[in-house]
Amino acid sequence: MEKRTPVFFFAPFVSSTMRVEPAWIDYNGHMNMAYYHVLFDRAVEEGFSLVGLGHDYLEKRKASFFAAEVHTVYKRELKMHDRVRVTLQLVDFDEKRIHYYLEIRHATEGWVAASMEGLSLHVDMETRKVCPFPDDIAANLAVMRTTHARLSRPPALGRTIGIPYKAEIHDALSASGTRH
């Protein structure tokens, strides 16, 4: 019988150091918004590989996980050659989904450049349908969730998008029917 080594997680998971590439800089002189998602995606791959959801999982078990929904908040510009690390916190999971929160942080100064909340689905790659996690992966996710539950709940979690209005202005606009 094979002896399994217990899985261990830091809270939060911290990615390897990554660098903003020159090709990622747009005409505004900062990193284009699309590349924040490249950094987030690389960190998701690193972090969830620890629970067994990496490239080997796809190859050997013919399953993976797909992004279903993301919410990104851009807080501070990143510029060419900035070095960053991404933190990942597993918020929750169920039999088919994982809910997580990430922050891109400047590697030496520590400030947050962007945050992202994500929900991904576990998928059987042969049928391309959502399916339950195998028991060993669910057990690893449970250990990660328990470890990450010690972290405070991110204030941006569950945030909605919209333009905040003062109540009296919003009421006046609604009463007049004018919305522009």
N, C-alpha and C. Protein backbone atom coordinates (compact mmCIF):
# COMPACT_ATOMS: atom_id res chain seq x y z
N MET A 1 0.84 -1.19 0.00
CA MET A 1 0.00 0.00 0.00
C MET A 1 0.88 1.25 0.00
N GLU A 2 0.55 2.19 -0.87
CA GLU A 2 1.32 3.43 -0.98
C GLU A 2 0.97 4.36 0.18
N LYS A 3 2.00 4.88 0.83
CA LYS A 3 1.78 5.82 1.93
C LYS A 3 1.71 7.23 1.35
N ARG A 4 0.62 7.94 1.65
CA ARG A 4 0.44 9.31 1.15
C ARG A 4 1.04 10.29 2.13
N THR A 5 1.78 11.24 1.61
CA THR A 5 2.32 12.31 2.43
C THR A 5 1.25 13.37 2.58
N PRO A 6 0.99 13.84 3.81
CA PRO A 6 -0.03 14.88 3.97
C PRO A 6 0.38 16.14 3.22
N VAL A 7 -0.59 16.78 2.62
CA VAL A 7 -0.35 18.01 1.88
C VAL A 7 -0.27 19.16 2.89
N PHE A 8 0.56 20.15 2.59
CA PHE A 8 0.77 21.29 3.49
C PHE A 8 0.65 22.57 2.67
N PHE A 9 0.00 23.59 3.23
CA PHE A 9 -0.18 24.84 2.50
C PHE A 9 0.18 26.03 3.37
N PHE A 10 0.81 27.02 2.75
CA PHE A 10 1.00 28.30 3.41
C PHE A 10 -0.29 29.10 3.23
N ALA A 11 -0.53 30.02 4.13
CA ALA A 11 -1.74 30.83 4.04
C ALA A 11 -1.35 32.31 4.06
N PRO A 12 -1.58 33.02 2.98
CA PRO A 12 -2.04 32.54 1.68
C PRO A 12 -0.89 31.88 0.91
N PHE A 13 -1.25 31.23 -0.20
CA PHE A 13 -0.23 30.76 -1.12
C PHE A 13 0.41 31.99 -1.76
N VAL A 14 1.73 31.98 -1.93
CA VAL A 14 2.43 33.09 -2.58
C VAL A 14 3.16 32.52 -3.80
N SER A 15 2.90 33.11 -4.95
CA SER A 15 3.49 32.64 -6.21
C SER A 15 4.98 32.91 -6.26
N SER A 16 5.59 32.35 -7.29
CA SER A 16 6.97 32.72 -7.60
C SER A 16 6.97 34.19 -8.04
N THR A 17 8.13 34.80 -8.06
CA THR A 17 8.26 36.18 -8.51
C THR A 17 8.15 36.23 -10.02
N MET A 18 7.32 37.15 -10.51
CA MET A 18 7.12 37.32 -11.95
C MET A 18 7.46 38.77 -12.31
N ARG A 19 7.78 39.01 -13.57
CA ARG A 19 8.19 40.33 -14.02
C ARG A 19 7.26 40.84 -15.11
N VAL A 20 6.94 42.12 -15.05
CA VAL A 20 6.16 42.75 -16.11
C VAL A 20 7.04 42.83 -17.36
N GLU A 21 6.55 42.25 -18.44
CA GLU A 21 7.30 42.16 -19.70
C GLU A 21 7.13 43.44 -20.52
N PRO A 22 8.16 43.85 -21.27
CA PRO A 22 8.05 45.06 -22.10
C PRO A 22 6.87 45.01 -23.08
N ALA A 23 6.56 43.86 -23.64
CA ALA A 23 5.46 43.75 -24.61
C ALA A 23 4.09 43.96 -23.97
N TRP A 24 4.02 43.94 -22.65
CA TRP A 24 2.76 44.10 -21.94
C TRP A 24 2.40 45.56 -21.69
N ILE A 25 3.30 46.47 -22.01
CA ILE A 25 3.09 47.90 -21.75
C ILE A 25 2.29 48.50 -22.91
N ASP A 26 1.23 49.24 -22.55
CA ASP A 26 0.39 49.85 -23.59
C ASP A 26 0.77 51.31 -23.82
N TYR A 27 0.01 51.99 -24.65
CA TYR A 27 0.33 53.38 -25.01
C TYR A 27 0.18 54.35 -23.84
N ASN A 28 -0.42 53.91 -22.75
CA ASN A 28 -0.51 54.75 -21.55
C ASN A 28 0.74 54.64 -20.68
N GLY A 29 1.67 53.78 -21.06
CA GLY A 29 2.92 53.64 -20.33
C GLY A 29 2.83 52.73 -19.12
N HIS A 30 1.75 51.97 -19.02
CA HIS A 30 1.63 51.00 -17.92
C HIS A 30 1.18 49.65 -18.48
N MET A 31 1.15 48.64 -17.61
CA MET A 31 0.77 47.31 -18.06
C MET A 31 -0.70 47.30 -18.48
N ASN A 32 -0.96 46.76 -19.67
CA ASN A 32 -2.31 46.64 -20.19
C ASN A 32 -3.11 45.70 -19.30
N MET A 33 -4.39 45.98 -19.15
CA MET A 33 -5.24 45.22 -18.23
C MET A 33 -5.27 43.72 -18.52
N ALA A 34 -5.13 43.32 -19.76
CA ALA A 34 -5.17 41.89 -20.11
C ALA A 34 -4.06 41.12 -19.42
N TYR A 35 -2.92 41.74 -19.21
CA TYR A 35 -1.77 41.04 -18.66
C TYR A 35 -1.85 40.86 -17.14
N TYR A 36 -2.70 41.63 -16.49
CA TYR A 36 -2.97 41.34 -15.07
C TYR A 36 -3.54 39.92 -14.98
N HIS A 37 -4.39 39.58 -15.95
CA HIS A 37 -5.00 38.25 -15.96
C HIS A 37 -3.98 37.16 -16.28
N VAL A 38 -2.96 37.48 -17.05
CA VAL A 38 -1.87 36.53 -17.29
C VAL A 38 -1.18 36.22 -15.96
N LEU A 39 -0.89 37.24 -15.19
CA LEU A 39 -0.25 37.03 -13.88
C LEU A 39 -1.16 36.26 -12.94
N PHE A 40 -2.44 36.63 -12.89
CA PHE A 40 -3.39 35.89 -12.05
C PHE A 40 -3.45 34.42 -12.49
N ASP A 41 -3.53 34.18 -13.79
CA ASP A 41 -3.65 32.82 -14.31
C ASP A 41 -2.42 31.98 -13.95
N ARG A 42 -1.25 32.56 -14.06
CA ARG A 42 -0.02 31.84 -13.71
C ARG A 42 -0.03 31.46 -12.22
N ALA A 43 -0.51 32.37 -11.38
CA ALA A 43 -0.57 32.09 -9.94
C ALA A 43 -1.61 31.02 -9.62
N VAL A 44 -2.75 31.05 -10.30
CA VAL A 44 -3.78 30.02 -10.11
C VAL A 44 -3.19 28.66 -10.48
N GLU A 45 -2.46 28.60 -11.59
CA GLU A 45 -1.83 27.35 -12.01
C GLU A 45 -0.84 26.86 -10.94
N GLU A 46 0.01 27.75 -10.46
CA GLU A 46 0.98 27.38 -9.41
C GLU A 46 0.27 26.91 -8.14
N GLY A 47 -0.68 27.70 -7.67
CA GLY A 47 -1.34 27.41 -6.40
C GLY A 47 -2.15 26.13 -6.42
N PHE A 48 -2.95 25.94 -7.45
CA PHE A 48 -3.81 24.77 -7.48
C PHE A 48 -3.08 23.51 -7.97
N SER A 49 -1.87 23.67 -8.51
CA SER A 49 -1.04 22.50 -8.78
C SER A 49 -0.70 21.79 -7.47
N LEU A 50 -0.60 22.55 -6.39
CA LEU A 50 -0.29 21.97 -5.08
C LEU A 50 -1.36 21.00 -4.59
N VAL A 51 -2.61 21.20 -5.01
CA VAL A 51 -3.67 20.28 -4.60
C VAL A 51 -3.82 19.13 -5.60
N GLY A 52 -3.04 19.18 -6.67
CA GLY A 52 -3.09 18.12 -7.67
C GLY A 52 -3.79 18.50 -8.95
N LEU A 53 -4.13 19.77 -9.13
CA LEU A 53 -4.86 20.22 -10.31
C LEU A 53 -3.96 20.88 -11.36
N GLY A 54 -2.80 20.32 -11.58
CA GLY A 54 -1.87 20.87 -12.57
C GLY A 54 -1.95 20.16 -13.91
N HIS A 55 -0.95 20.40 -14.73
CA HIS A 55 -0.90 19.82 -16.08
C HIS A 55 -0.89 18.29 -16.03
N ASP A 56 -0.20 17.71 -15.06
CA ASP A 56 -0.17 16.24 -14.92
C ASP A 56 -1.57 15.68 -14.70
N TYR A 57 -2.38 16.42 -13.94
CA TYR A 57 -3.75 16.00 -13.67
C TYR A 57 -4.53 15.90 -14.98
N LEU A 58 -4.36 16.89 -15.82
CA LEU A 58 -5.02 16.88 -17.13
C LEU A 58 -4.57 15.67 -17.95
N GLU A 59 -3.26 15.46 -18.00
CA GLU A 59 -2.71 14.37 -18.81
C GLU A 59 -3.12 12.99 -18.29
N LYS A 60 -3.01 12.78 -16.98
CA LYS A 60 -3.24 11.45 -16.42
C LYS A 60 -4.71 11.15 -16.13
N ARG A 61 -5.46 12.17 -15.72
CA ARG A 61 -6.82 11.91 -15.27
C ARG A 61 -7.89 12.51 -16.18
N LYS A 62 -7.44 13.18 -17.23
CA LYS A 62 -8.35 13.73 -18.25
C LYS A 62 -9.42 14.63 -17.65
N ALA A 63 -8.98 15.48 -16.72
CA ALA A 63 -9.88 16.46 -16.13
C ALA A 63 -9.08 17.72 -15.84
N SER A 64 -9.78 18.83 -15.68
CA SER A 64 -9.13 20.11 -15.41
C SER A 64 -10.14 21.01 -14.73
N PHE A 65 -9.83 22.30 -14.64
CA PHE A 65 -10.80 23.26 -14.12
C PHE A 65 -10.79 24.49 -15.01
N PHE A 66 -11.98 25.04 -15.23
CA PHE A 66 -12.17 26.18 -16.13
C PHE A 66 -12.68 27.37 -15.32
N ALA A 67 -12.23 28.56 -15.68
CA ALA A 67 -12.77 29.78 -15.09
C ALA A 67 -14.22 29.94 -15.53
N ALA A 68 -15.09 30.22 -14.57
CA ALA A 68 -16.50 30.45 -14.86
C ALA A 68 -16.85 31.93 -14.69
N GLU A 69 -16.19 32.58 -13.72
CA GLU A 69 -16.49 33.99 -13.45
C GLU A 69 -15.30 34.61 -12.74
N VAL A 70 -14.98 35.84 -13.11
CA VAL A 70 -13.92 36.59 -12.41
C VAL A 70 -14.38 38.02 -12.21
N HIS A 71 -13.89 38.62 -11.15
CA HIS A 71 -14.13 40.04 -10.89
C HIS A 71 -12.79 40.63 -10.51
N THR A 72 -12.31 41.57 -11.31
CA THR A 72 -10.99 42.16 -11.12
C THR A 72 -11.12 43.63 -10.74
N VAL A 73 -10.29 44.04 -9.78
CA VAL A 73 -10.22 45.43 -9.36
C VAL A 73 -8.77 45.89 -9.55
N TYR A 74 -8.59 46.92 -10.36
CA TYR A 74 -7.26 47.48 -10.62
C TYR A 74 -7.03 48.62 -9.65
N LYS A 75 -5.95 48.54 -8.88
CA LYS A 75 -5.72 49.51 -7.81
C LYS A 75 -4.54 50.43 -8.05
N ARG A 76 -3.51 49.93 -8.71
CA ARG A 76 -2.30 50.73 -8.90
C ARG A 76 -1.59 50.23 -10.16
N GLU A 77 -1.01 51.16 -10.88
CA GLU A 77 -0.32 50.82 -12.12
C GLU A 77 0.90 49.95 -11.89
N LEU A 78 1.11 49.04 -12.82
CA LEU A 78 2.37 48.32 -12.90
C LEU A 78 3.08 48.82 -14.15
N LYS A 79 4.39 48.94 -14.05
CA LYS A 79 5.19 49.46 -15.17
C LYS A 79 6.24 48.45 -15.58
N MET A 80 6.86 48.73 -16.70
CA MET A 80 7.84 47.81 -17.27
C MET A 80 8.87 47.39 -16.24
N HIS A 81 9.11 46.08 -16.21
CA HIS A 81 10.10 45.42 -15.36
C HIS A 81 9.74 45.38 -13.88
N ASP A 82 8.57 45.89 -13.47
CA ASP A 82 8.16 45.70 -12.08
C ASP A 82 8.15 44.21 -11.79
N ARG A 83 8.56 43.85 -10.60
CA ARG A 83 8.53 42.46 -10.17
C ARG A 83 7.38 42.31 -9.19
N VAL A 84 6.62 41.23 -9.37
CA VAL A 84 5.42 41.02 -8.55
C VAL A 84 5.36 39.57 -8.06
N ARG A 85 4.55 39.40 -7.02
CA ARG A 85 4.16 38.08 -6.53
C ARG A 85 2.66 38.13 -6.36
N VAL A 86 2.01 37.00 -6.52
CA VAL A 86 0.56 36.94 -6.42
C VAL A 86 0.20 36.04 -5.24
N THR A 87 -0.67 36.56 -4.37
CA THR A 87 -1.17 35.73 -3.27
C THR A 87 -2.49 35.11 -3.70
N LEU A 88 -2.73 33.89 -3.23
CA LEU A 88 -3.96 33.17 -3.55
C LEU A 88 -4.55 32.65 -2.25
N GLN A 89 -5.82 32.93 -2.05
CA GLN A 89 -6.55 32.43 -0.89
C GLN A 89 -7.74 31.62 -1.39
N LEU A 90 -7.79 30.34 -1.00
CA LEU A 90 -8.96 29.53 -1.30
C LEU A 90 -10.05 29.94 -0.33
N VAL A 91 -11.14 30.47 -0.86
CA VAL A 91 -12.25 30.94 -0.03
C VAL A 91 -13.17 29.78 0.32
N ASP A 92 -13.50 28.97 -0.69
CA ASP A 92 -14.41 27.86 -0.47
C ASP A 92 -14.37 26.92 -1.68
N PHE A 93 -14.94 25.75 -1.51
CA PHE A 93 -15.12 24.83 -2.62
C PHE A 93 -16.28 23.92 -2.29
N ASP A 94 -16.87 23.34 -3.33
CA ASP A 94 -17.86 22.29 -3.13
C ASP A 94 -17.48 21.14 -4.05
N GLU A 95 -18.39 20.25 -4.33
CA GLU A 95 -18.00 19.06 -5.10
C GLU A 95 -17.55 19.35 -6.52
N LYS A 96 -17.92 20.52 -7.09
CA LYS A 96 -17.58 20.82 -8.49
C LYS A 96 -16.96 22.19 -8.71
N ARG A 97 -16.91 23.04 -7.67
CA ARG A 97 -16.48 24.43 -7.86
C ARG A 97 -15.42 24.83 -6.85
N ILE A 98 -14.56 25.79 -7.26
CA ILE A 98 -13.62 26.41 -6.33
C ILE A 98 -13.78 27.93 -6.42
N HIS A 99 -13.80 28.56 -5.26
CA HIS A 99 -13.95 30.01 -5.13
C HIS A 99 -12.67 30.52 -4.48
N TYR A 100 -12.02 31.49 -5.11
CA TYR A 100 -10.72 31.94 -4.63
C TYR A 100 -10.55 33.44 -4.84
N TYR A 101 -9.54 33.98 -4.14
CA TYR A 101 -9.25 35.41 -4.15
C TYR A 101 -7.74 35.57 -4.33
N LEU A 102 -7.35 36.49 -5.21
CA LEU A 102 -5.93 36.73 -5.47
C LEU A 102 -5.61 38.22 -5.39
N GLU A 103 -4.36 38.52 -5.05
CA GLU A 103 -3.85 39.89 -5.10
C GLU A 103 -2.48 39.88 -5.75
N ILE A 104 -2.29 40.80 -6.71
CA ILE A 104 -0.96 41.02 -7.29
C ILE A 104 -0.30 42.07 -6.42
N ARG A 105 0.86 41.72 -5.87
CA ARG A 105 1.61 42.63 -4.99
C ARG A 105 2.99 42.92 -5.58
N HIS A 106 3.42 44.16 -5.44
CA HIS A 106 4.77 44.51 -5.85
C HIS A 106 5.72 43.68 -5.00
N ALA A 107 6.68 43.03 -5.64
CA ALA A 107 7.52 42.04 -4.95
C ALA A 107 8.40 42.64 -3.86
N THR A 108 8.84 43.89 -4.02
CA THR A 108 9.74 44.46 -3.00
C THR A 108 9.05 45.47 -2.09
N GLU A 109 8.05 46.19 -2.61
CA GLU A 109 7.39 47.22 -1.81
C GLU A 109 6.09 46.74 -1.17
N GLY A 110 5.51 45.67 -1.66
CA GLY A 110 4.35 45.04 -1.03
C GLY A 110 2.98 45.62 -1.34
N TRP A 111 2.89 46.73 -2.06
CA TRP A 111 1.57 47.31 -2.34
C TRP A 111 0.80 46.45 -3.33
N VAL A 112 -0.52 46.56 -3.26
CA VAL A 112 -1.41 45.76 -4.10
C VAL A 112 -1.70 46.51 -5.39
N ALA A 113 -1.42 45.87 -6.52
CA ALA A 113 -1.69 46.46 -7.83
C ALA A 113 -3.09 46.11 -8.32
N ALA A 114 -3.56 44.90 -7.98
CA ALA A 114 -4.88 44.47 -8.42
C ALA A 114 -5.32 43.27 -7.58
N SER A 115 -6.64 43.10 -7.53
CA SER A 115 -7.19 41.92 -6.87
C SER A 115 -8.17 41.25 -7.83
N MET A 116 -8.37 39.96 -7.62
CA MET A 116 -9.30 39.22 -8.46
C MET A 116 -10.00 38.17 -7.63
N GLU A 117 -11.30 38.09 -7.79
CA GLU A 117 -12.09 37.03 -7.19
C GLU A 117 -12.50 36.11 -8.32
N GLY A 118 -12.36 34.80 -8.13
CA GLY A 118 -12.67 33.88 -9.20
C GLY A 118 -13.49 32.68 -8.74
N LEU A 119 -14.24 32.14 -9.67
CA LEU A 119 -14.98 30.91 -9.46
C LEU A 119 -14.66 30.01 -10.66
N SER A 120 -14.16 28.81 -10.37
CA SER A 120 -13.82 27.87 -11.44
C SER A 120 -14.61 26.58 -11.25
N LEU A 121 -14.79 25.88 -12.37
CA LEU A 121 -15.56 24.63 -12.41
C LEU A 121 -14.65 23.46 -12.75
N HIS A 122 -14.84 22.33 -12.08
CA HIS A 122 -14.09 21.11 -12.39
C HIS A 122 -14.75 20.45 -13.60
N VAL A 123 -13.94 20.09 -14.60
CA VAL A 123 -14.48 19.62 -15.88
C VAL A 123 -13.82 18.30 -16.30
N ASP A 124 -14.65 17.35 -16.71
CA ASP A 124 -14.19 16.12 -17.35
C ASP A 124 -13.82 16.51 -18.78
N MET A 125 -12.57 16.35 -19.15
CA MET A 125 -12.11 16.83 -20.45
C MET A 125 -12.58 15.95 -21.62
N GLU A 126 -13.00 14.74 -21.34
CA GLU A 126 -13.51 13.89 -22.43
C GLU A 126 -14.95 14.24 -22.78
N THR A 127 -15.76 14.59 -21.79
CA THR A 127 -17.16 14.95 -22.05
C THR A 127 -17.35 16.45 -22.12
N ARG A 128 -16.35 17.21 -21.61
CA ARG A 128 -16.40 18.68 -21.52
C ARG A 128 -17.58 19.13 -20.65
N LYS A 129 -17.89 18.33 -19.64
CA LYS A 129 -18.98 18.66 -18.72
C LYS A 129 -18.43 18.79 -17.31
N VAL A 130 -19.12 19.62 -16.53
CA VAL A 130 -18.76 19.81 -15.13
C VAL A 130 -19.00 18.50 -14.39
N CYS A 131 -18.05 18.15 -13.51
CA CYS A 131 -18.14 16.89 -12.76
C CYS A 131 -17.51 17.07 -11.38
N PRO A 132 -17.81 16.17 -10.46
CA PRO A 132 -17.24 16.27 -9.10
C PRO A 132 -15.72 16.05 -9.09
N PHE A 133 -15.06 16.68 -8.12
CA PHE A 133 -13.64 16.43 -7.88
C PHE A 133 -13.47 14.99 -7.38
N PRO A 134 -12.39 14.32 -7.75
CA PRO A 134 -12.12 13.01 -7.14
C PRO A 134 -11.84 13.20 -5.64
N ASP A 135 -11.98 12.13 -4.87
CA ASP A 135 -11.83 12.20 -3.41
C ASP A 135 -10.49 12.76 -2.97
N ASP A 136 -9.39 12.37 -3.62
CA ASP A 136 -8.07 12.85 -3.20
C ASP A 136 -7.91 14.35 -3.42
N ILE A 137 -8.43 14.85 -4.52
CA ILE A 137 -8.35 16.30 -4.80
C ILE A 137 -9.25 17.05 -3.81
N ALA A 138 -10.45 16.55 -3.57
CA ALA A 138 -11.35 17.18 -2.60
C ALA A 138 -10.72 17.21 -1.21
N ALA A 139 -10.02 16.14 -0.84
CA ALA A 139 -9.34 16.10 0.47
C ALA A 139 -8.23 17.16 0.53
N ASN A 140 -7.46 17.32 -0.55
CA ASN A 140 -6.42 18.34 -0.58
C ASN A 140 -7.02 19.74 -0.52
N LEU A 141 -8.11 19.95 -1.25
CA LEU A 141 -8.80 21.24 -1.20
C LEU A 141 -9.31 21.52 0.22
N ALA A 142 -9.78 20.50 0.90
CA ALA A 142 -10.26 20.68 2.28
C ALA A 142 -9.14 21.13 3.20
N VAL A 143 -7.95 20.55 3.03
CA VAL A 143 -6.80 20.96 3.85
C VAL A 143 -6.44 22.41 3.53
N MET A 144 -6.41 22.75 2.24
CA MET A 144 -6.08 24.13 1.85
C MET A 144 -7.11 25.10 2.41
N ARG A 145 -8.40 24.76 2.30
CA ARG A 145 -9.45 25.64 2.81
C ARG A 145 -9.32 25.84 4.31
N THR A 146 -9.04 24.77 5.05
CA THR A 146 -8.87 24.88 6.50
C THR A 146 -7.70 25.79 6.84
N THR A 147 -6.61 25.63 6.13
CA THR A 147 -5.44 26.49 6.36
C THR A 147 -5.75 27.94 6.02
N HIS A 148 -6.42 28.17 4.90
CA HIS A 148 -6.73 29.53 4.45
C HIS A 148 -7.87 30.16 5.25
N ALA A 149 -8.67 29.36 5.93
CA ALA A 149 -9.77 29.90 6.74
C ALA A 149 -9.25 30.72 7.91
N ARG A 150 -7.98 30.55 8.25
CA ARG A 150 -7.36 31.35 9.33
C ARG A 150 -7.13 32.79 8.89
N LEU A 151 -7.13 33.02 7.58
CA LEU A 151 -6.94 34.38 7.06
C LEU A 151 -8.23 35.17 7.20
N SER A 152 -8.11 36.48 7.28
CA SER A 152 -9.32 37.30 7.33
C SER A 152 -10.00 37.27 5.96
N ARG A 153 -11.30 37.44 5.98
CA ARG A 153 -12.07 37.47 4.74
C ARG A 153 -11.71 38.75 3.98
N PRO A 154 -11.30 38.64 2.71
CA PRO A 154 -10.95 39.85 1.96
C PRO A 154 -12.14 40.80 1.85
N PRO A 155 -11.94 42.09 2.15
CA PRO A 155 -13.06 43.05 2.09
C PRO A 155 -13.70 43.17 0.71
N ALA A 156 -12.93 42.91 -0.35
CA ALA A 156 -13.46 43.05 -1.71
C ALA A 156 -14.27 41.83 -2.16
N LEU A 157 -14.31 40.78 -1.35
CA LEU A 157 -15.01 39.56 -1.73
C LEU A 157 -16.50 39.83 -1.93
N GLY A 158 -17.05 39.39 -3.06
CA GLY A 158 -18.47 39.57 -3.33
C GLY A 158 -18.84 40.98 -3.75
N ARG A 159 -17.85 41.78 -4.04
CA ARG A 159 -18.08 43.16 -4.43
C ARG A 159 -18.89 43.23 -5.72
N THR A 160 -19.78 44.22 -5.80
CA THR A 160 -20.55 44.42 -7.02
C THR A 160 -20.02 45.64 -7.75
N ILE A 161 -20.30 45.71 -9.02
CA ILE A 161 -19.85 46.83 -9.83
C ILE A 161 -21.00 47.81 -10.00
N GLY A 162 -20.70 49.10 -10.00
CA GLY A 162 -21.72 50.11 -10.20
C GLY A 162 -21.20 51.48 -9.79
N ILE A 163 -21.97 52.47 -10.08
CA ILE A 163 -21.63 53.85 -9.71
C ILE A 163 -22.40 54.18 -8.44
N PRO A 164 -21.68 54.43 -7.34
CA PRO A 164 -22.40 54.74 -6.10
C PRO A 164 -23.02 56.14 -6.16
N TYR A 165 -24.27 56.23 -5.76
CA TYR A 165 -24.98 57.50 -5.72
C TYR A 165 -25.35 57.82 -4.29
N LYS A 166 -25.40 59.11 -3.99
CA LYS A 166 -25.98 59.52 -2.72
C LYS A 166 -27.47 59.31 -2.84
N ALA A 167 -28.10 58.88 -1.79
CA ALA A 167 -29.52 58.50 -1.82
C ALA A 167 -30.40 59.61 -2.39
N GLU A 168 -30.19 60.86 -1.96
CA GLU A 168 -31.08 61.93 -2.42
C GLU A 168 -30.93 62.22 -3.91
N ILE A 169 -29.71 62.09 -4.44
CA ILE A 169 -29.51 62.30 -5.88
C ILE A 169 -30.17 61.17 -6.65
N HIS A 170 -29.96 59.94 -6.20
CA HIS A 170 -30.55 58.78 -6.87
C HIS A 170 -32.07 58.86 -6.86
N ASP A 171 -32.66 59.26 -5.72
CA ASP A 171 -34.12 59.38 -5.62
C ASP A 171 -34.65 60.46 -6.57
N ALA A 172 -33.93 61.58 -6.66
CA ALA A 172 -34.35 62.67 -7.55
C ALA A 172 -34.30 62.23 -9.01
N LEU A 173 -33.24 61.50 -9.38
CA LEU A 173 -33.13 61.02 -10.76
C LEU A 173 -34.24 60.02 -11.08
N SER A 174 -34.53 59.14 -10.14
CA SER A 174 -35.59 58.14 -10.35
C SER A 174 -36.95 58.81 -10.48
N ALA A 175 -37.21 59.84 -9.67
CA ALA A 175 -38.52 60.52 -9.68
C ALA A 175 -38.74 61.27 -10.99
N SER A 176 -37.67 61.86 -11.54
CA SER A 176 -37.85 62.66 -12.76
C SER A 176 -37.84 61.80 -14.02
N GLY A 177 -37.33 60.58 -13.89
CA GLY A 177 -37.23 59.72 -15.07
C GLY A 177 -36.02 60.02 -15.92
N THR A 178 -35.23 61.04 -15.57
CA THR A 178 -34.04 61.39 -16.33
C THR A 178 -32.86 60.59 -15.82
N ARG A 179 -32.16 59.93 -16.72
CA ARG A 179 -31.07 59.07 -16.29
C ARG A 179 -29.75 59.45 -16.98
N HIS A 180 -29.66 60.60 -17.59
CA HIS A 180 -28.39 60.97 -18.21
C HIS A 180 -27.98 62.36 -17.83
